[in-house]
Amino acid sequence: QPGDVATVLRVLYLVFNEGYSGDVDLAAEAIRL
């Protein structure tokens, strides 16, 4: 039973933010997904 789109979007947004401004480069991966 996969979850809803809104929760997945929230995760992708936070992953991008950490990659954009934090210590781990995850921004490009978030854009790809």
Full PDB file with SEQRES, HELIX, SHEET, SSBOND, CRYST1, ORIGX, SCALE, CONECT and MASTER records, all heavy atoms in Angstrom:
SEQRES   1 A   33  GLN PRO GLY ASP VAL ALA THR VAL LEU ARG VAL LEU TYR          
SEQRES   2 A   33  LEU VAL PHE ASN GLU GLY TYR SER GLY ASP VAL ASP LEU          
SEQRES   3 A   33  ALA ALA GLU ALA ILE ARG LEU                                  
HELIX    1 AA1 VAL A    5  SER A   21  1                                  17    
HELIX    2 AA2 ALA A   27  ARG A   32  1                                   6    
CRYST1    1.000    1.000    1.000  90.00  90.00  90.00 P 1           1          
ORIGX1      1.000000  0.000000  0.000000        0.00000                         
ORIGX2      0.000000  1.000000  0.000000        0.00000                         
ORIGX3      0.000000  0.000000  1.000000        0.00000                         
SCALE1      1.000000  0.000000  0.000000        0.00000                         
SCALE2      0.000000  1.000000  0.000000        0.00000                         
SCALE3      0.000000  0.000000  1.000000        0.00000                         
ATOM      1  N   GLN A   1       0.851  -1.184   0.000  1.00  0.00           N  
ATOM      2  CA  GLN A   1       0.000   0.000   0.000  1.00  0.00           C  
ATOM      3  C   GLN A   1       0.892   1.241   0.000  1.00  0.00           C  
ATOM      4  O   GLN A   1       1.229   1.778   1.045  1.00  0.00           O  
ATOM      5  CB  GLN A   1      -0.904   0.026   1.238  1.00  0.00           C  
ATOM      6  CG  GLN A   1      -1.954  -1.053   1.285  1.00  0.00           C  
ATOM      7  CD  GLN A   1      -2.774  -0.924   2.563  1.00  0.00           C  
ATOM      8  OE1 GLN A   1      -2.372  -1.348   3.640  1.00  0.00           O  
ATOM      9  NE2 GLN A   1      -3.932  -0.317   2.433  1.00  0.00           N  
ATOM     10  N   PRO A   2       1.294   1.685  -1.162  1.00  0.00           N  
ATOM     11  CA  PRO A   2       2.174   2.852  -1.212  1.00  0.00           C  
ATOM     12  C   PRO A   2       1.482   4.097  -0.692  1.00  0.00           C  
ATOM     13  O   PRO A   2       0.259   4.218  -0.725  1.00  0.00           O  
ATOM     14  CB  PRO A   2       2.515   2.975  -2.701  1.00  0.00           C  
ATOM     15  CG  PRO A   2       1.410   2.264  -3.410  1.00  0.00           C  
ATOM     16  CD  PRO A   2       0.987   1.158  -2.496  1.00  0.00           C  
ATOM     17  N   GLY A   3       2.286   5.029  -0.190  1.00  0.00           N  
ATOM     18  CA  GLY A   3       1.754   6.242   0.397  1.00  0.00           C  
ATOM     19  C   GLY A   3       1.336   7.267  -0.638  1.00  0.00           C  
ATOM     20  O   GLY A   3       1.368   7.013  -1.850  1.00  0.00           O  
ATOM     21  N   ASP A   4       0.944   8.452  -0.163  1.00  0.00           N  
ATOM     22  CA  ASP A   4       0.387   9.453  -1.069  1.00  0.00           C  
ATOM     23  C   ASP A   4       1.474  10.346  -1.649  1.00  0.00           C  
ATOM     24  O   ASP A   4       2.603  10.398  -1.171  1.00  0.00           O  
ATOM     25  CB  ASP A   4      -0.682  10.274  -0.355  1.00  0.00           C  
ATOM     26  CG  ASP A   4      -0.103  11.107   0.784  1.00  0.00           C  
ATOM     27  OD1 ASP A   4       1.073  10.911   1.138  1.00  0.00           O  
ATOM     28  OD2 ASP A   4      -0.841  11.949   1.299  1.00  0.00           O  
ATOM     29  N   VAL A   5       1.093  11.071  -2.682  1.00  0.00           N  
ATOM     30  CA  VAL A   5       2.031  11.921  -3.408  1.00  0.00           C  
ATOM     31  C   VAL A   5       2.524  13.058  -2.519  1.00  0.00           C  
ATOM     32  O   VAL A   5       3.703  13.426  -2.570  1.00  0.00           O  
ATOM     33  CB  VAL A   5       1.367  12.485  -4.679  1.00  0.00           C  
ATOM     34  CG1 VAL A   5       2.286  13.487  -5.371  1.00  0.00           C  
ATOM     35  CG2 VAL A   5       1.010  11.355  -5.632  1.00  0.00           C  
ATOM     36  N   ALA A   6       1.652  13.618  -1.687  1.00  0.00           N  
ATOM     37  CA  ALA A   6       2.036  14.771  -0.876  1.00  0.00           C  
ATOM     38  C   ALA A   6       3.205  14.442   0.045  1.00  0.00           C  
ATOM     39  O   ALA A   6       4.128  15.252   0.205  1.00  0.00           O  
ATOM     40  CB  ALA A   6       0.833  15.247  -0.052  1.00  0.00           C  
ATOM     41  N   THR A   7       3.196  13.252   0.638  1.00  0.00           N  
ATOM     42  CA  THR A   7       4.287  12.863   1.530  1.00  0.00           C  
ATOM     43  C   THR A   7       5.580  12.674   0.745  1.00  0.00           C  
ATOM     44  O   THR A   7       6.656  13.095   1.186  1.00  0.00           O  
ATOM     45  CB  THR A   7       3.925  11.572   2.279  1.00  0.00           C  
ATOM     46  OG1 THR A   7       2.736  11.786   3.036  1.00  0.00           O  
ATOM     47  CG2 THR A   7       5.043  11.157   3.228  1.00  0.00           C  
ATOM     48  N   VAL A   8       5.487  12.061  -0.415  1.00  0.00           N  
ATOM     49  CA  VAL A   8       6.679  11.859  -1.243  1.00  0.00           C  
ATOM     50  C   VAL A   8       7.263  13.202  -1.686  1.00  0.00           C  
ATOM     51  O   VAL A   8       8.481  13.397  -1.680  1.00  0.00           O  
ATOM     52  CB  VAL A   8       6.351  10.973  -2.461  1.00  0.00           C  
ATOM     53  CG1 VAL A   8       7.535  10.896  -3.421  1.00  0.00           C  
ATOM     54  CG2 VAL A   8       5.960   9.569  -2.008  1.00  0.00           C  
ATOM     55  N   LEU A   9       6.392  14.132  -2.046  1.00  0.00           N  
ATOM     56  CA  LEU A   9       6.867  15.465  -2.430  1.00  0.00           C  
ATOM     57  C   LEU A   9       7.592  16.144  -1.264  1.00  0.00           C  
ATOM     58  O   LEU A   9       8.611  16.805  -1.458  1.00  0.00           O  
ATOM     59  CB  LEU A   9       5.701  16.332  -2.886  1.00  0.00           C  
ATOM     60  CG  LEU A   9       5.071  15.991  -4.236  1.00  0.00           C  
ATOM     61  CD1 LEU A   9       3.898  16.921  -4.525  1.00  0.00           C  
ATOM     62  CD2 LEU A   9       6.086  16.056  -5.362  1.00  0.00           C  
ATOM     63  N   ARG A  10       7.058  15.992  -0.060  1.00  0.00           N  
ATOM     64  CA  ARG A  10       7.708  16.595   1.105  1.00  0.00           C  
ATOM     65  C   ARG A  10       9.104  16.021   1.297  1.00  0.00           C  
ATOM     66  O   ARG A  10      10.056  16.749   1.601  1.00  0.00           O  
ATOM     67  CB  ARG A  10       6.839  16.331   2.343  1.00  0.00           C  
ATOM     68  CG  ARG A  10       7.420  16.818   3.664  1.00  0.00           C  
ATOM     69  CD  ARG A  10       7.636  18.300   3.698  1.00  0.00           C  
ATOM     70  NE  ARG A  10       6.445  19.043   3.290  1.00  0.00           N  
ATOM     71  CZ  ARG A  10       6.426  20.345   3.044  1.00  0.00           C  
ATOM     72  NH1 ARG A  10       7.538  21.045   3.174  1.00  0.00           N  
ATOM     73  NH2 ARG A  10       5.317  20.946   2.667  1.00  0.00           N  
ATOM     74  N   VAL A  11       9.239  14.708   1.109  1.00  0.00           N  
ATOM     75  CA  VAL A  11      10.559  14.081   1.249  1.00  0.00           C  
ATOM     76  C   VAL A  11      11.518  14.613   0.188  1.00  0.00           C  
ATOM     77  O   VAL A  11      12.652  14.999   0.481  1.00  0.00           O  
ATOM     78  CB  VAL A  11      10.450  12.549   1.139  1.00  0.00           C  
ATOM     79  CG1 VAL A  11      11.831  11.902   1.165  1.00  0.00           C  
ATOM     80  CG2 VAL A  11       9.594  11.983   2.261  1.00  0.00           C  
ATOM     81  N   LEU A  12      11.084  14.630  -1.061  1.00  0.00           N  
ATOM     82  CA  LEU A  12      11.943  15.104  -2.145  1.00  0.00           C  
ATOM     83  C   LEU A  12      12.368  16.555  -1.911  1.00  0.00           C  
ATOM     84  O   LEU A  12      13.518  16.926  -2.163  1.00  0.00           O  
ATOM     85  CB  LEU A  12      11.214  14.973  -3.482  1.00  0.00           C  
ATOM     86  CG  LEU A  12      11.021  13.544  -3.993  1.00  0.00           C  
ATOM     87  CD1 LEU A  12      10.056  13.527  -5.181  1.00  0.00           C  
ATOM     88  CD2 LEU A  12      12.345  12.909  -4.391  1.00  0.00           C  
ATOM     89  N   TYR A  13      11.460  17.367  -1.410  1.00  0.00           N  
ATOM     90  CA  TYR A  13      11.763  18.770  -1.134  1.00  0.00           C  
ATOM     91  C   TYR A  13      12.841  18.892  -0.062  1.00  0.00           C  
ATOM     92  O   TYR A  13      13.803  19.663  -0.209  1.00  0.00           O  
ATOM     93  CB  TYR A  13      10.473  19.454  -0.682  1.00  0.00           C  
ATOM     94  CG  TYR A  13      10.642  20.871  -0.190  1.00  0.00           C  
ATOM     95  CD1 TYR A  13      11.011  21.892  -1.055  1.00  0.00           C  
ATOM     96  CD2 TYR A  13      10.390  21.196   1.142  1.00  0.00           C  
ATOM     97  CE1 TYR A  13      11.146  23.197  -0.603  1.00  0.00           C  
ATOM     98  CE2 TYR A  13      10.518  22.495   1.600  1.00  0.00           C  
ATOM     99  CZ  TYR A  13      10.902  23.492   0.722  1.00  0.00           C  
ATOM    100  OH  TYR A  13      11.040  24.783   1.177  1.00  0.00           O  
ATOM    101  N   LEU A  14      12.720  18.117   1.006  1.00  0.00           N  
ATOM    102  CA  LEU A  14      13.702  18.185   2.081  1.00  0.00           C  
ATOM    103  C   LEU A  14      15.051  17.614   1.650  1.00  0.00           C  
ATOM    104  O   LEU A  14      16.101  18.117   2.045  1.00  0.00           O  
ATOM    105  CB  LEU A  14      13.181  17.451   3.320  1.00  0.00           C  
ATOM    106  CG  LEU A  14      11.990  18.125   4.019  1.00  0.00           C  
ATOM    107  CD1 LEU A  14      11.465  17.245   5.139  1.00  0.00           C  
ATOM    108  CD2 LEU A  14      12.378  19.484   4.565  1.00  0.00           C  
ATOM    109  N   VAL A  15      15.031  16.556   0.842  1.00  0.00           N  
ATOM    110  CA  VAL A  15      16.282  16.005   0.320  1.00  0.00           C  
ATOM    111  C   VAL A  15      16.983  17.054  -0.547  1.00  0.00           C  
ATOM    112  O   VAL A  15      18.193  17.266  -0.444  1.00  0.00           O  
ATOM    113  CB  VAL A  15      16.020  14.723  -0.492  1.00  0.00           C  
ATOM    114  CG1 VAL A  15      17.276  14.300  -1.260  1.00  0.00           C  
ATOM    115  CG2 VAL A  15      15.584  13.588   0.436  1.00  0.00           C  
ATOM    116  N   PHE A  16      16.220  17.732  -1.399  1.00  0.00           N  
ATOM    117  CA  PHE A  16      16.808  18.771  -2.245  1.00  0.00           C  
ATOM    118  C   PHE A  16      17.395  19.892  -1.402  1.00  0.00           C  
ATOM    119  O   PHE A  16      18.505  20.369  -1.654  1.00  0.00           O  
ATOM    120  CB  PHE A  16      15.751  19.340  -3.192  1.00  0.00           C  
ATOM    121  CG  PHE A  16      16.255  20.487  -4.029  1.00  0.00           C  
ATOM    122  CD1 PHE A  16      16.988  20.243  -5.184  1.00  0.00           C  
ATOM    123  CD2 PHE A  16      16.021  21.799  -3.659  1.00  0.00           C  
ATOM    124  CE1 PHE A  16      17.481  21.289  -5.957  1.00  0.00           C  
ATOM    125  CE2 PHE A  16      16.503  22.853  -4.420  1.00  0.00           C  
ATOM    126  CZ  PHE A  16      17.225  22.595  -5.567  1.00  0.00           C  
ATOM    127  N   ASN A  17      16.659  20.334  -0.388  1.00  0.00           N  
ATOM    128  CA  ASN A  17      17.148  21.415   0.459  1.00  0.00           C  
ATOM    129  C   ASN A  17      18.450  21.044   1.146  1.00  0.00           C  
ATOM    130  O   ASN A  17      19.355  21.867   1.275  1.00  0.00           O  
ATOM    131  CB  ASN A  17      16.099  21.776   1.520  1.00  0.00           C  
ATOM    132  CG  ASN A  17      15.047  22.707   0.971  1.00  0.00           C  
ATOM    133  OD1 ASN A  17      15.195  23.244  -0.114  1.00  0.00           O  
ATOM    134  ND2 ASN A  17      13.967  22.882   1.702  1.00  0.00           N  
ATOM    135  N   GLU A  18      18.566  19.805   1.619  1.00  0.00           N  
ATOM    136  CA  GLU A  18      19.802  19.388   2.282  1.00  0.00           C  
ATOM    137  C   GLU A  18      20.940  19.331   1.273  1.00  0.00           C  
ATOM    138  O   GLU A  18      22.070  19.716   1.577  1.00  0.00           O  
ATOM    139  CB  GLU A  18      19.619  18.026   2.945  1.00  0.00           C  
ATOM    140  CG  GLU A  18      20.759  17.627   3.820  1.00  0.00           C  
ATOM    141  CD  GLU A  18      21.018  18.617   4.944  1.00  0.00           C  
ATOM    142  OE1 GLU A  18      20.069  19.083   5.581  1.00  0.00           O  
ATOM    143  OE2 GLU A  18      22.193  18.953   5.154  1.00  0.00           O  
ATOM    144  N   GLY A  19      20.644  18.866   0.072  1.00  0.00           N  
ATOM    145  CA  GLY A  19      21.676  18.818  -0.956  1.00  0.00           C  
ATOM    146  C   GLY A  19      22.078  20.192  -1.430  1.00  0.00           C  
ATOM    147  O   GLY A  19      23.215  20.431  -1.825  1.00  0.00           O  
ATOM    148  N   TYR A  20      21.133  21.154  -1.391  1.00  0.00           N  
ATOM    149  CA  TYR A  20      21.390  22.501  -1.889  1.00  0.00           C  
ATOM    150  C   TYR A  20      22.168  23.338  -0.893  1.00  0.00           C  
ATOM    151  O   TYR A  20      23.026  24.131  -1.256  1.00  0.00           O  
ATOM    152  CB  TYR A  20      20.042  23.164  -2.196  1.00  0.00           C  
ATOM    153  CG  TYR A  20      20.132  24.511  -2.850  1.00  0.00           C  
ATOM    154  CD1 TYR A  20      20.601  24.629  -4.163  1.00  0.00           C  
ATOM    155  CD2 TYR A  20      19.738  25.662  -2.190  1.00  0.00           C  
ATOM    156  CE1 TYR A  20      20.682  25.862  -4.778  1.00  0.00           C  
ATOM    157  CE2 TYR A  20      19.806  26.901  -2.801  1.00  0.00           C  
ATOM    158  CZ  TYR A  20      20.278  26.995  -4.100  1.00  0.00           C  
ATOM    159  OH  TYR A  20      20.361  28.213  -4.711  1.00  0.00           O  
ATOM    160  N   SER A  21      21.876  23.138   0.406  1.00  0.00           N  
ATOM    161  CA  SER A  21      22.484  24.026   1.392  1.00  0.00           C  
ATOM    162  C   SER A  21      23.264  23.310   2.481  1.00  0.00           C  
ATOM    163  O   SER A  21      23.861  23.939   3.325  1.00  0.00           O  
ATOM    164  CB  SER A  21      21.387  24.864   2.067  1.00  0.00           C  
ATOM    165  OG  SER A  21      20.470  24.023   2.741  1.00  0.00           O  
ATOM    166  N   GLY A  22      23.281  21.985   2.490  1.00  0.00           N  
ATOM    167  CA  GLY A  22      23.892  21.263   3.584  1.00  0.00           C  
ATOM    168  C   GLY A  22      25.206  20.610   3.241  1.00  0.00           C  
ATOM    169  O   GLY A  22      25.920  21.026   2.329  1.00  0.00           O  
ATOM    170  N   ASP A  23      25.504  19.540   3.978  1.00  0.00           N  
ATOM    171  CA  ASP A  23      26.813  18.903   3.867  1.00  0.00           C  
ATOM    172  C   ASP A  23      26.846  17.756   2.855  1.00  0.00           C  
ATOM    173  O   ASP A  23      27.913  17.266   2.507  1.00  0.00           O  
ATOM    174  CB  ASP A  23      27.216  18.348   5.237  1.00  0.00           C  
ATOM    175  CG  ASP A  23      27.231  19.434   6.299  1.00  0.00           C  
ATOM    176  OD1 ASP A  23      27.664  20.546   5.960  1.00  0.00           O  
ATOM    177  OD2 ASP A  23      26.804  19.169   7.426  1.00  0.00           O  
ATOM    178  N   VAL A  24      25.683  17.279   2.406  1.00  0.00           N  
ATOM    179  CA  VAL A  24      25.616  16.134   1.512  1.00  0.00           C  
ATOM    180  C   VAL A  24      25.020  16.585   0.184  1.00  0.00           C  
ATOM    181  O   VAL A  24      23.992  17.257   0.150  1.00  0.00           O  
ATOM    182  CB  VAL A  24      24.740  15.010   2.118  1.00  0.00           C  
ATOM    183  CG1 VAL A  24      24.719  13.798   1.201  1.00  0.00           C  
ATOM    184  CG2 VAL A  24      25.244  14.636   3.502  1.00  0.00           C  
ATOM    185  N   ASP A  25      25.647  16.233  -0.932  1.00  0.00           N  
ATOM    186  CA  ASP A  25      25.193  16.680  -2.242  1.00  0.00           C  
ATOM    187  C   ASP A  25      24.096  15.753  -2.753  1.00  0.00           C  
ATOM    188  O   ASP A  25      24.352  14.747  -3.386  1.00  0.00           O  
ATOM    189  CB  ASP A  25      26.374  16.707  -3.224  1.00  0.00           C  
ATOM    190  CG  ASP A  25      25.981  17.343  -4.550  1.00  0.00           C  
ATOM    191  OD1 ASP A  25      24.823  17.787  -4.660  1.00  0.00           O  
ATOM    192  OD2 ASP A  25      26.824  17.393  -5.461  1.00  0.00           O  
ATOM    193  N   LEU A  26      22.844  16.115  -2.480  1.00  0.00           N  
ATOM    194  CA  LEU A  26      21.708  15.301  -2.886  1.00  0.00           C  
ATOM    195  C   LEU A  26      20.777  16.043  -3.843  1.00  0.00           C  
ATOM    196  O   LEU A  26      19.765  15.500  -4.248  1.00  0.00           O  
ATOM    197  CB  LEU A  26      20.904  14.868  -1.644  1.00  0.00           C  
ATOM    198  CG  LEU A  26      21.632  13.976  -0.642  1.00  0.00           C  
ATOM    199  CD1 LEU A  26      20.835  13.871   0.645  1.00  0.00           C  
ATOM    200  CD2 LEU A  26      21.856  12.593  -1.227  1.00  0.00           C  
ATOM    201  N   ALA A  27      21.107  17.283  -4.177  1.00  0.00           N  
ATOM    202  CA  ALA A  27      20.199  18.101  -4.965  1.00  0.00           C  
ATOM    203  C   ALA A  27      19.938  17.502  -6.347  1.00  0.00           C  
ATOM    204  O   ALA A  27      18.790  17.429  -6.797  1.00  0.00           O  
ATOM    205  CB  ALA A  27      20.758  19.515  -5.103  1.00  0.00           C  
ATOM    206  N   ALA A  28      20.978  17.086  -7.041  1.00  0.00           N  
ATOM    207  CA  ALA A  28      20.804  16.536  -8.382  1.00  0.00           C  
ATOM    208  C   ALA A  28      19.962  15.266  -8.353  1.00  0.00           C  
ATOM    209  O   ALA A  28      19.132  15.030  -9.246  1.00  0.00           O  
ATOM    210  CB  ALA A  28      22.168  16.250  -9.015  1.00  0.00           C  
ATOM    211  N   GLU A  29      20.151  14.436  -7.328  1.00  0.00           N  
ATOM    212  CA  GLU A  29      19.358  13.219  -7.201  1.00  0.00           C  
ATOM    213  C   GLU A  29      17.891  13.547  -6.957  1.00  0.00           C  
ATOM    214  O   GLU A  29      16.995  12.919  -7.522  1.00  0.00           O  
ATOM    215  CB  GLU A  29      19.897  12.356  -6.046  1.00  0.00           C  
ATOM    216  CG  GLU A  29      19.078  11.129  -5.703  1.00  0.00           C  
ATOM    217  CD  GLU A  29      19.106  10.048  -6.781  1.00  0.00           C  
ATOM    218  OE1 GLU A  29      19.753  10.254  -7.837  1.00  0.00           O  
ATOM    219  OE2 GLU A  29      18.487   9.004  -6.564  1.00  0.00           O  
ATOM    220  N   ALA A  30      17.617  14.560  -6.145  1.00  0.00           N  
ATOM    221  CA  ALA A  30      16.236  14.959  -5.892  1.00  0.00           C  
ATOM    222  C   ALA A  30      15.573  15.467  -7.173  1.00  0.00           C  
ATOM    223  O   ALA A  30      14.401  15.168  -7.439  1.00  0.00           O  
ATOM    224  CB  ALA A  30      16.184  16.028  -4.808  1.00  0.00           C  
ATOM    225  N   ILE A  31      16.313  16.223  -7.980  1.00  0.00           N  
ATOM    226  CA  ILE A  31      15.770  16.704  -9.250  1.00  0.00           C  
ATOM    227  C   ILE A  31      15.480  15.532 -10.178  1.00  0.00           C  
ATOM    228  O   ILE A  31      14.423  15.479 -10.833  1.00  0.00           O  
ATOM    229  CB  ILE A  31      16.750  17.694  -9.915  1.00  0.00           C  
ATOM    230  CG1 ILE A  31      16.837  18.983  -9.099  1.00  0.00           C  
ATOM    231  CG2 ILE A  31      16.320  18.016 -11.345  1.00  0.00           C  
ATOM    232  CD1 ILE A  31      17.876  19.957  -9.595  1.00  0.00           C  
ATOM    233  N   ARG A  32      16.402  14.579 -10.243  1.00  0.00           N  
ATOM    234  CA  ARG A  32      16.205  13.403 -11.110  1.00  0.00           C  
ATOM    235  C   ARG A  32      14.928  12.644 -10.736  1.00  0.00           C  
ATOM    236  O   ARG A  32      14.116  12.285 -11.595  1.00  0.00           O  
ATOM    237  CB  ARG A  32      17.420  12.483 -11.000  1.00  0.00           C  
ATOM    238  CG  ARG A  32      17.372  11.266 -11.925  1.00  0.00           C  
ATOM    239  CD  ARG A  32      18.581  10.373 -11.704  1.00  0.00           C  
ATOM    240  NE  ARG A  32      18.504   9.678 -10.420  1.00  0.00           N  
ATOM    241  CZ  ARG A  32      17.831   8.545 -10.231  1.00  0.00           C  
ATOM    242  NH1 ARG A  32      17.145   7.996 -11.232  1.00  0.00           N  
ATOM    243  NH2 ARG A  32      17.824   7.964  -9.057  1.00  0.00           N  
ATOM    244  N   LEU A  33      14.736  12.426  -9.443  1.00  0.00           N  
ATOM    245  CA  LEU A  33      13.561  11.680  -8.995  1.00  0.00           C  
ATOM    246  C   LEU A  33      12.275  12.477  -9.209  1.00  0.00           C  
ATOM    247  O   LEU A  33      11.228  11.904  -9.556  1.00  0.00           O  
ATOM    248  CB  LEU A  33      13.707  11.309  -7.523  1.00  0.00           C  
ATOM    249  CG  LEU A  33      14.821  10.307  -7.209  1.00  0.00           C  
ATOM    250  CD1 LEU A  33      14.978  10.141  -5.704  1.00  0.00           C  
ATOM    251  CD2 LEU A  33      14.532   8.953  -7.857  1.00  0.00           C  
TER     252      LEU A  33                                                      
MASTER        0    0    0    2    0    0    0    6  251    1    0    3          
END                                                                             
